[in-house]
Amino acid sequence: SGLSSNAAAKPKHLERWTEQLKQLCCKAHPSQRYEGLRQWTYSLPHAREVHGREEHLLPLHMVAGAALDDRGQVLGDFREHDRAMTHFAFG
């Protein structure tokens, strides 16, 4: 995956979103990850502020779904101005 945010957000909100997304993808039980991603606007803080359009999260949803019971790992976590680029791998 690539950009984990696609909208300008307050830095504190961006960090909270990114940390919760990493927890969800890498630490949560796969069934919790499934539900958390399915209802991302409720399970992740500042969801619509940080990531206003859900179609940009589809690649993450696809690979997380294909991973089944595999937990994710963060390959990179970068910031460029007011955007977060968090890269996950599963399997």
PDB file of N, CA and C in Angstrom:
ATOM      1  N   SER A   1       0.847  -1.180   0.000  1.00  0.00           N
ATOM      2  CA  SER A   1       0.000   0.000   0.000  1.00  0.00           C
ATOM      3  C   SER A   1       0.885   1.235   0.000  1.00  0.00           C
ATOM      4  N   GLY A   2       0.289   2.374  -0.219  1.00  0.00           N
ATOM      5  CA  GLY A   2       1.076   3.593  -0.344  1.00  0.00           C
ATOM      6  C   GLY A   2       0.600   4.683   0.575  1.00  0.00           C
ATOM      7  N   LEU A   3      -0.078   5.693   0.016  1.00  0.00           N
ATOM      8  CA  LEU A   3      -0.544   6.808   0.834  1.00  0.00           C
ATOM      9  C   LEU A   3      -1.609   6.322   1.809  1.00  0.00           C
ATOM     10  N   SER A   4      -1.343   6.512   3.068  1.00  0.00           N
ATOM     11  CA  SER A   4      -2.347   6.145   4.058  1.00  0.00           C
ATOM     12  C   SER A   4      -3.205   7.343   4.435  1.00  0.00           C
ATOM     13  N   SER A   5      -2.934   8.471   3.819  1.00  0.00           N
ATOM     14  CA  SER A   5      -3.788   9.651   3.965  1.00  0.00           C
ATOM     15  C   SER A   5      -3.876  10.323   2.599  1.00  0.00           C
ATOM     16  N   ASN A   6      -4.983  10.960   2.353  1.00  0.00           N
ATOM     17  CA  ASN A   6      -5.102  11.665   1.073  1.00  0.00           C
ATOM     18  C   ASN A   6      -5.704  13.046   1.235  1.00  0.00           C
ATOM     19  N   ALA A   7      -5.724  13.531   2.442  1.00  0.00           N
ATOM     20  CA  ALA A   7      -6.269  14.863   2.698  1.00  0.00           C
ATOM     21  C   ALA A   7      -5.386  15.559   3.726  1.00  0.00           C
ATOM     22  N   ALA A   8      -5.334  16.860   3.633  1.00  0.00           N
ATOM     23  CA  ALA A   8      -4.579  17.626   4.621  1.00  0.00           C
ATOM     24  C   ALA A   8      -5.270  17.466   5.977  1.00  0.00           C
ATOM     25  N   ALA A   9      -4.493  17.128   6.989  1.00  0.00           N
ATOM     26  CA  ALA A   9      -5.045  16.931   8.326  1.00  0.00           C
ATOM     27  C   ALA A   9      -4.112  17.559   9.345  1.00  0.00           C
ATOM     28  N   LYS A  10      -4.654  17.824  10.502  1.00  0.00           N
ATOM     29  CA  LYS A  10      -3.818  18.316  11.596  1.00  0.00           C
ATOM     30  C   LYS A  10      -2.762  17.256  11.906  1.00  0.00           C
ATOM     31  N   PRO A  11      -1.527  17.672  12.146  1.00  0.00           N
ATOM     32  CA  PRO A  11      -0.458  16.698  12.399  1.00  0.00           C
ATOM     33  C   PRO A  11      -0.783  15.691  13.504  1.00  0.00           C
ATOM     34  N   LYS A  12      -1.380  16.156  14.585  1.00  0.00           N
ATOM     35  CA  LYS A  12      -1.729  15.254  15.687  1.00  0.00           C
ATOM     36  C   LYS A  12      -2.758  14.213  15.236  1.00  0.00           C
ATOM     37  N   HIS A  13      -3.717  14.626  14.427  1.00  0.00           N
ATOM     38  CA  HIS A  13      -4.733  13.707  13.928  1.00  0.00           C
ATOM     39  C   HIS A  13      -4.121  12.708  12.952  1.00  0.00           C
ATOM     40  N   LEU A  14      -3.217  13.193  12.115  1.00  0.00           N
ATOM     41  CA  LEU A  14      -2.541  12.314  11.160  1.00  0.00           C
ATOM     42  C   LEU A  14      -1.739  11.241  11.891  1.00  0.00           C
ATOM     43  N   GLU A  15      -1.047  11.617  12.938  1.00  0.00           N
ATOM     44  CA  GLU A  15      -0.252  10.638  13.695  1.00  0.00           C
ATOM     45  C   GLU A  15      -1.144   9.625  14.398  1.00  0.00           C
ATOM     46  N   ARG A  16      -2.232  10.099  14.973  1.00  0.00           N
ATOM     47  CA  ARG A  16      -3.151   9.178  15.664  1.00  0.00           C
ATOM     48  C   ARG A  16      -3.770   8.193  14.674  1.00  0.00           C
ATOM     49  N   TRP A  17      -4.197   8.684  13.519  1.00  0.00           N
ATOM     50  CA  TRP A  17      -4.748   7.838  12.452  1.00  0.00           C
ATOM     51  C   TRP A  17      -3.728   6.782  12.044  1.00  0.00           C
ATOM     52  N   THR A  18      -2.508   7.213  11.772  1.00  0.00           N
ATOM     53  CA  THR A  18      -1.476   6.303  11.280  1.00  0.00           C
ATOM     54  C   THR A  18      -1.144   5.240  12.316  1.00  0.00           C
ATOM     55  N   GLU A  19      -1.017   5.631  13.575  1.00  0.00           N
ATOM     56  CA  GLU A  19      -0.711   4.649  14.622  1.00  0.00           C
ATOM     57  C   GLU A  19      -1.842   3.637  14.778  1.00  0.00           C
ATOM     58  N   GLN A  20      -3.079   4.089  14.722  1.00  0.00           N
ATOM     59  CA  GLN A  20      -4.212   3.170  14.845  1.00  0.00           C
ATOM     60  C   GLN A  20      -4.304   2.247  13.625  1.00  0.00           C
ATOM     61  N   LEU A  21      -4.006   2.769  12.447  1.00  0.00           N
ATOM     62  CA  LEU A  21      -4.013   1.942  11.239  1.00  0.00           C
ATOM     63  C   LEU A  21      -2.935   0.870  11.327  1.00  0.00           C
ATOM     64  N   LYS A  22      -1.754   1.230  11.817  1.00  0.00           N
ATOM     65  CA  LYS A  22      -0.681   0.249  11.985  1.00  0.00           C
ATOM     66  C   LYS A  22      -1.073  -0.809  13.014  1.00  0.00           C
ATOM     67  N   GLN A  23      -1.688  -0.394  14.102  1.00  0.00           N
ATOM     68  CA  GLN A  23      -2.156  -1.358  15.107  1.00  0.00           C
ATOM     69  C   GLN A  23      -3.171  -2.320  14.499  1.00  0.00           C
ATOM     70  N   LEU A  24      -4.097  -1.769  13.749  1.00  0.00           N
ATOM     71  CA  LEU A  24      -5.143  -2.582  13.139  1.00  0.00           C
ATOM     72  C   LEU A  24      -4.568  -3.594  12.155  1.00  0.00           C
ATOM     73  N   CYS A  25      -3.637  -3.169  11.336  1.00  0.00           N
ATOM     74  CA  CYS A  25      -3.092  -4.056  10.299  1.00  0.00           C
ATOM     75  C   CYS A  25      -2.050  -5.033  10.826  1.00  0.00           C
ATOM     76  N   CYS A  26      -1.339  -4.665  11.872  1.00  0.00           N
ATOM     77  CA  CYS A  26      -0.193  -5.470  12.306  1.00  0.00           C
ATOM     78  C   CYS A  26      -0.377  -6.181  13.641  1.00  0.00           C
ATOM     79  N   LYS A  27      -1.211  -5.679  14.500  1.00  0.00           N
ATOM     80  CA  LYS A  27      -1.326  -6.261  15.837  1.00  0.00           C
ATOM     81  C   LYS A  27      -2.680  -6.918  16.098  1.00  0.00           C
ATOM     82  N   ALA A  28      -3.721  -6.419  15.468  1.00  0.00           N
ATOM     83  CA  ALA A  28      -5.063  -6.934  15.735  1.00  0.00           C
ATOM     84  C   ALA A  28      -5.226  -8.350  15.168  1.00  0.00           C
ATOM     85  N   HIS A  29      -6.074  -9.111  15.800  1.00  0.00           N
ATOM     86  CA  HIS A  29      -6.436 -10.425  15.278  1.00  0.00           C
ATOM     87  C   HIS A  29      -7.053 -10.223  13.892  1.00  0.00           C
ATOM     88  N   PRO A  30      -6.819 -11.127  12.958  1.00  0.00           N
ATOM     89  CA  PRO A  30      -7.348 -10.926  11.602  1.00  0.00           C
ATOM     90  C   PRO A  30      -8.850 -10.646  11.542  1.00  0.00           C
ATOM     91  N   SER A  31      -9.639 -11.243  12.427  1.00  0.00           N
ATOM     92  CA  SER A  31     -11.083 -10.947  12.406  1.00  0.00           C
ATOM     93  C   SER A  31     -11.346  -9.511  12.846  1.00  0.00           C
ATOM     94  N   GLN A  32     -10.545  -9.004  13.790  1.00  0.00           N
ATOM     95  CA  GLN A  32     -10.670  -7.604  14.209  1.00  0.00           C
ATOM     96  C   GLN A  32     -10.196  -6.677  13.094  1.00  0.00           C
ATOM     97  N   ARG A  33      -9.137  -7.075  12.400  1.00  0.00           N
ATOM     98  CA  ARG A  33      -8.643  -6.282  11.268  1.00  0.00           C
ATOM     99  C   ARG A  33      -9.726  -6.185  10.197  1.00  0.00           C
ATOM    100  N   TYR A  34     -10.366  -7.302   9.908  1.00  0.00           N
ATOM    101  CA  TYR A  34     -11.434  -7.311   8.904  1.00  0.00           C
ATOM    102  C   TYR A  34     -12.535  -6.319   9.286  1.00  0.00           C
ATOM    103  N   GLU A  35     -13.017  -6.419  10.502  1.00  0.00           N
ATOM    104  CA  GLU A  35     -14.095  -5.526  10.943  1.00  0.00           C
ATOM    105  C   GLU A  35     -13.628  -4.080  11.011  1.00  0.00           C
ATOM    106  N   GLY A  36     -12.416  -3.869  11.492  1.00  0.00           N
ATOM    107  CA  GLY A  36     -11.878  -2.511  11.591  1.00  0.00           C
ATOM    108  C   GLY A  36     -11.737  -1.840  10.243  1.00  0.00           C
ATOM    109  N   LEU A  37     -11.277  -2.596   9.243  1.00  0.00           N
ATOM    110  CA  LEU A  37     -11.157  -2.031   7.895  1.00  0.00           C
ATOM    111  C   LEU A  37     -12.522  -1.890   7.232  1.00  0.00           C
ATOM    112  N   ARG A  38     -13.397  -2.834   7.501  1.00  0.00           N
ATOM    113  CA  ARG A  38     -14.741  -2.757   6.921  1.00  0.00           C
ATOM    114  C   ARG A  38     -15.474  -1.508   7.416  1.00  0.00           C
ATOM    115  N   GLN A  39     -15.282  -1.178   8.661  1.00  0.00           N
ATOM    116  CA  GLN A  39     -15.955  -0.013   9.244  1.00  0.00           C
ATOM    117  C   GLN A  39     -14.927   1.056   9.627  1.00  0.00           C
ATOM    118  N   TRP A  40     -14.009   1.314   8.724  1.00  0.00           N
ATOM    119  CA  TRP A  40     -12.867   2.184   9.004  1.00  0.00           C
ATOM    120  C   TRP A  40     -13.264   3.585   9.445  1.00  0.00           C
ATOM    121  N   THR A  41     -14.393   4.093   8.970  1.00  0.00           N
ATOM    122  CA  THR A  41     -14.788   5.452   9.366  1.00  0.00           C
ATOM    123  C   THR A  41     -15.195   5.518  10.834  1.00  0.00           C
ATOM    124  N   TYR A  42     -15.526   4.375  11.428  1.00  0.00           N
ATOM    125  CA  TYR A  42     -15.894   4.332  12.846  1.00  0.00           C
ATOM    126  C   TYR A  42     -14.751   3.825  13.715  1.00  0.00           C
ATOM    127  N   SER A  43     -13.923   2.941  13.176  1.00  0.00           N
ATOM    128  CA  SER A  43     -12.893   2.307  13.995  1.00  0.00           C
ATOM    129  C   SER A  43     -11.579   3.087  14.032  1.00  0.00           C
ATOM    130  N   LEU A  44     -11.340   3.939  13.066  1.00  0.00           N
ATOM    131  CA  LEU A  44     -10.085   4.694  13.016  1.00  0.00           C
ATOM    132  C   LEU A  44     -10.356   6.174  13.313  1.00  0.00           C
ATOM    133  N   PRO A  45      -9.560   6.767  14.187  1.00  0.00           N
ATOM    134  CA  PRO A  45      -9.804   8.156  14.587  1.00  0.00           C
ATOM    135  C   PRO A  45      -9.557   9.134  13.442  1.00  0.00           C
ATOM    136  N   HIS A  46     -10.398  10.135  13.376  1.00  0.00           N
ATOM    137  CA  HIS A  46     -10.264  11.226  12.403  1.00  0.00           C
ATOM    138  C   HIS A  46     -10.305  10.701  10.963  1.00  0.00           C
ATOM    139  N   ALA A  47     -11.057   9.648  10.736  1.00  0.00           N
ATOM    140  CA  ALA A  47     -11.041   8.942   9.452  1.00  0.00           C
ATOM    141  C   ALA A  47     -11.337   9.857   8.269  1.00  0.00           C
ATOM    142  N   ARG A  48     -12.422  10.563   8.316  1.00  0.00           N
ATOM    143  CA  ARG A  48     -12.797  11.388   7.165  1.00  0.00           C
ATOM    144  C   ARG A  48     -11.920  12.626   7.019  1.00  0.00           C
ATOM    145  N   GLU A  49     -11.358  13.094   8.101  1.00  0.00           N
ATOM    146  CA  GLU A  49     -10.447  14.236   8.007  1.00  0.00           C
ATOM    147  C   GLU A  49      -9.137  13.814   7.326  1.00  0.00           C
ATOM    148  N   VAL A  50      -8.631  12.667   7.698  1.00  0.00           N
ATOM    149  CA  VAL A  50      -7.340  12.208   7.200  1.00  0.00           C
ATOM    150  C   VAL A  50      -7.462  11.523   5.844  1.00  0.00           C
ATOM    151  N   HIS A  51      -8.533  10.788   5.659  1.00  0.00           N
ATOM    152  CA  HIS A  51      -8.686  10.020   4.427  1.00  0.00           C
ATOM    153  C   HIS A  51     -10.117  10.174   3.922  1.00  0.00           C
ATOM    154  N   GLY A  52     -10.369  11.256   3.234  1.00  0.00           N
ATOM    155  CA  GLY A  52     -11.727  11.625   2.854  1.00  0.00           C
ATOM    156  C   GLY A  52     -12.407  10.697   1.866  1.00  0.00           C
ATOM    157  N   ARG A  53     -11.647   9.951   1.070  1.00  0.00           N
ATOM    158  CA  ARG A  53     -12.270   9.136   0.015  1.00  0.00           C
ATOM    159  C   ARG A  53     -11.849   7.680   0.170  1.00  0.00           C
ATOM    160  N   GLU A  54     -12.840   6.827   0.336  1.00  0.00           N
ATOM    161  CA  GLU A  54     -12.559   5.426   0.630  1.00  0.00           C
ATOM    162  C   GLU A  54     -11.909   4.639  -0.506  1.00  0.00           C
ATOM    163  N   GLU A  55     -12.110   5.053  -1.740  1.00  0.00           N
ATOM    164  CA  GLU A  55     -11.541   4.256  -2.844  1.00  0.00           C
ATOM    165  C   GLU A  55     -10.013   4.223  -2.813  1.00  0.00           C
ATOM    166  N   HIS A  56      -9.395   5.180  -2.159  1.00  0.00           N
ATOM    167  CA  HIS A  56      -7.939   5.166  -2.057  1.00  0.00           C
ATOM    168  C   HIS A  56      -7.444   4.128  -1.056  1.00  0.00           C
ATOM    169  N   LEU A  57      -8.338   3.615  -0.232  1.00  0.00           N
ATOM    170  CA  LEU A  57      -7.970   2.553   0.708  1.00  0.00           C
ATOM    171  C   LEU A  57      -8.226   1.162   0.134  1.00  0.00           C
ATOM    172  N   LEU A  58      -8.813   1.078  -1.048  1.00  0.00           N
ATOM    173  CA  LEU A  58      -9.129  -0.233  -1.624  1.00  0.00           C
ATOM    174  C   LEU A  58      -7.917  -1.150  -1.778  1.00  0.00           C
ATOM    175  N   PRO A  59      -6.754  -0.664  -2.215  1.00  0.00           N
ATOM    176  CA  PRO A  59      -5.606  -1.584  -2.291  1.00  0.00           C
ATOM    177  C   PRO A  59      -5.265  -2.219  -0.938  1.00  0.00           C
ATOM    178  N   LEU A  60      -5.334  -1.441   0.131  1.00  0.00           N
ATOM    179  CA  LEU A  60      -5.082  -1.989   1.460  1.00  0.00           C
ATOM    180  C   LEU A  60      -6.140  -3.022   1.817  1.00  0.00           C
ATOM    181  N   HIS A  61      -7.385  -2.737   1.524  1.00  0.00           N
ATOM    182  CA  HIS A  61      -8.468  -3.686   1.803  1.00  0.00           C
ATOM    183  C   HIS A  61      -8.259  -4.987   1.039  1.00  0.00           C
ATOM    184  N   MET A  62      -7.818  -4.876  -0.194  1.00  0.00           N
ATOM    185  CA  MET A  62      -7.607  -6.068  -1.023  1.00  0.00           C
ATOM    186  C   MET A  62      -6.496  -6.952  -0.453  1.00  0.00           C
ATOM    187  N   VAL A  63      -5.349  -6.371  -0.160  1.00  0.00           N
ATOM    188  CA  VAL A  63      -4.237  -7.201   0.324  1.00  0.00           C
ATOM    189  C   VAL A  63      -4.499  -7.716   1.738  1.00  0.00           C
ATOM    190  N   ALA A  64      -5.138  -6.916   2.572  1.00  0.00           N
ATOM    191  CA  ALA A  64      -5.460  -7.383   3.924  1.00  0.00           C
ATOM    192  C   ALA A  64      -6.473  -8.525   3.863  1.00  0.00           C
ATOM    193  N   GLY A  65      -7.432  -8.435   2.949  1.00  0.00           N
ATOM    194  CA  GLY A  65      -8.396  -9.517   2.788  1.00  0.00           C
ATOM    195  C   GLY A  65      -7.759 -10.781   2.241  1.00  0.00           C
ATOM    196  N   ALA A  66      -6.862 -10.636   1.300  1.00  0.00           N
ATOM    197  CA  ALA A  66      -6.174 -11.794   0.720  1.00  0.00           C
ATOM    198  C   ALA A  66      -5.219 -12.437   1.722  1.00  0.00           C
ATOM    199  N   ALA A  67      -4.793 -11.685   2.720  1.00  0.00           N
ATOM    200  CA  ALA A  67      -3.846 -12.209   3.706  1.00  0.00           C
ATOM    201  C   ALA A  67      -4.480 -13.234   4.641  1.00  0.00           C
ATOM    202  N   LEU A  68      -5.806 -13.259   4.685  1.00  0.00           N
ATOM    203  CA  LEU A  68      -6.538 -14.165   5.576  1.00  0.00           C
ATOM    204  C   LEU A  68      -6.041 -14.025   7.008  1.00  0.00           C
ATOM    205  N   ASP A  69      -5.327 -15.013   7.534  1.00  0.00           N
ATOM    206  CA  ASP A  69      -4.895 -14.991   8.936  1.00  0.00           C
ATOM    207  C   ASP A  69      -3.504 -14.409   9.149  1.00  0.00           C
ATOM    208  N   ASP A  70      -2.837 -14.002   8.084  1.00  0.00           N
ATOM    209  CA  ASP A  70      -1.498 -13.432   8.217  1.00  0.00           C
ATOM    210  C   ASP A  70      -1.573 -12.022   8.801  1.00  0.00           C
ATOM    211  N   ARG A  71      -0.669 -11.729   9.688  1.00  0.00           N
ATOM    212  CA  ARG A  71      -0.592 -10.377  10.239  1.00  0.00           C
ATOM    213  C   ARG A  71       0.266  -9.517   9.327  1.00  0.00           C
ATOM    214  N   GLY A  72      -0.002  -8.245   9.342  1.00  0.00           N
ATOM    215  CA  GLY A  72       0.758  -7.323   8.518  1.00  0.00           C
ATOM    216  C   GLY A  72       2.039  -6.883   9.200  1.00  0.00           C
ATOM    217  N   GLN A  73       2.891  -6.298   8.401  1.00  0.00           N
ATOM    218  CA  GLN A  73       4.083  -5.647   8.949  1.00  0.00           C
ATOM    219  C   GLN A  73       4.290  -4.333   8.208  1.00  0.00           C
ATOM    220  N   VAL A  74       4.831  -3.375   8.899  1.00  0.00           N
ATOM    221  CA  VAL A  74       5.096  -2.064   8.305  1.00  0.00           C
ATOM    222  C   VAL A  74       6.452  -2.120   7.619  1.00  0.00           C
ATOM    223  N   LEU A  75       6.473  -1.853   6.327  1.00  0.00           N
ATOM    224  CA  LEU A  75       7.723  -1.812   5.576  1.00  0.00           C
ATOM    225  C   LEU A  75       8.321  -0.419   5.564  1.00  0.00           C
ATOM    226  N   GLY A  76       7.482   0.572   5.671  1.00  0.00           N
ATOM    227  CA  GLY A  76       7.947   1.954   5.681  1.00  0.00           C
ATOM    228  C   GLY A  76       6.858   2.854   6.223  1.00  0.00           C
ATOM    229  N   ASP A  77       7.256   3.918   6.862  1.00  0.00           N
ATOM    230  CA  ASP A  77       6.305   4.867   7.434  1.00  0.00           C
ATOM    231  C   ASP A  77       6.924   6.254   7.302  1.00  0.00           C
ATOM    232  N   PHE A  78       6.479   6.993   6.301  1.00  0.00           N
ATOM    233  CA  PHE A  78       7.092   8.263   5.937  1.00  0.00           C
ATOM    234  C   PHE A  78       6.069   9.380   5.945  1.00  0.00           C
ATOM    235  N   ARG A  79       6.551  10.599   6.063  1.00  0.00           N
ATOM    236  CA  ARG A  79       5.697  11.784   5.978  1.00  0.00           C
ATOM    237  C   ARG A  79       6.260  12.712   4.918  1.00  0.00           C
ATOM    238  N   GLU A  80       5.348  13.259   4.162  1.00  0.00           N
ATOM    239  CA  GLU A  80       5.705  14.301   3.201  1.00  0.00           C
ATOM    240  C   GLU A  80       4.702  15.421   3.375  1.00  0.00           C
ATOM    241  N   HIS A  81       5.155  16.491   3.959  1.00  0.00           N
ATOM    242  CA  HIS A  81       4.302  17.636   4.278  1.00  0.00           C
ATOM    243  C   HIS A  81       3.168  17.172   5.181  1.00  0.00           C
ATOM    244  N   ASP A  82       1.940  17.223   4.716  1.00  0.00           N
ATOM    245  CA  ASP A  82       0.796  16.848   5.542  1.00  0.00           C
ATOM    246  C   ASP A  82       0.197  15.511   5.114  1.00  0.00           C
ATOM    247  N   ARG A  83       1.003  14.647   4.517  1.00  0.00           N
ATOM    248  CA  ARG A  83       0.545  13.336   4.063  1.00  0.00           C
ATOM    249  C   ARG A  83       1.366  12.240   4.737  1.00  0.00           C
ATOM    250  N   ALA A  84       0.725  11.100   4.947  1.00  0.00           N
ATOM    251  CA  ALA A  84       1.423   9.931   5.490  1.00  0.00           C
ATOM    252  C   ALA A  84       1.510   8.871   4.400  1.00  0.00           C
ATOM    253  N   MET A  85       2.673   8.255   4.302  1.00  0.00           N
ATOM    254  CA  MET A  85       2.882   7.132   3.386  1.00  0.00           C
ATOM    255  C   MET A  85       3.309   5.955   4.251  1.00  0.00           C
ATOM    256  N   THR A  86       2.396   5.054   4.483  1.00  0.00           N
ATOM    257  CA  THR A  86       2.661   3.883   5.323  1.00  0.00           C
ATOM    258  C   THR A  86       2.489   2.657   4.453  1.00  0.00           C
ATOM    259  N   HIS A  87       3.536   1.855   4.379  1.00  0.00           N
ATOM    260  CA  HIS A  87       3.552   0.688   3.495  1.00  0.00           C
ATOM    261  C   HIS A  87       3.451  -0.581   4.318  1.00  0.00           C
ATOM    262  N   PHE A  88       2.476  -1.413   3.972  1.00  0.00           N
ATOM    263  CA  PHE A  88       2.234  -2.671   4.686  1.00  0.00           C
ATOM    264  C   PHE A  88       2.520  -3.843   3.767  1.00  0.00           C
ATOM    265  N   ALA A  89       2.944  -4.939   4.382  1.00  0.00           N
ATOM    266  CA  ALA A  89       3.079  -6.213   3.675  1.00  0.00           C
ATOM    267  C   ALA A  89       2.397  -7.274   4.538  1.00  0.00           C
ATOM    268  N   PHE A  90       1.793  -8.226   3.886  1.00  0.00           N
ATOM    269  CA  PHE A  90       1.133  -9.333   4.582  1.00  0.00           C
ATOM    270  C   PHE A  90       1.700 -10.632   4.044  1.00  0.00           C
ATOM    271  N   GLY A  91       1.790 -11.623   4.926  1.00  0.00           N
ATOM    272  CA  GLY A  91       2.234 -12.943   4.473  1.00  0.00           C
ATOM    273  C   GLY A  91       3.631 -13.290   4.855  1.00  0.00           C
TER     274      GLY A  91
END
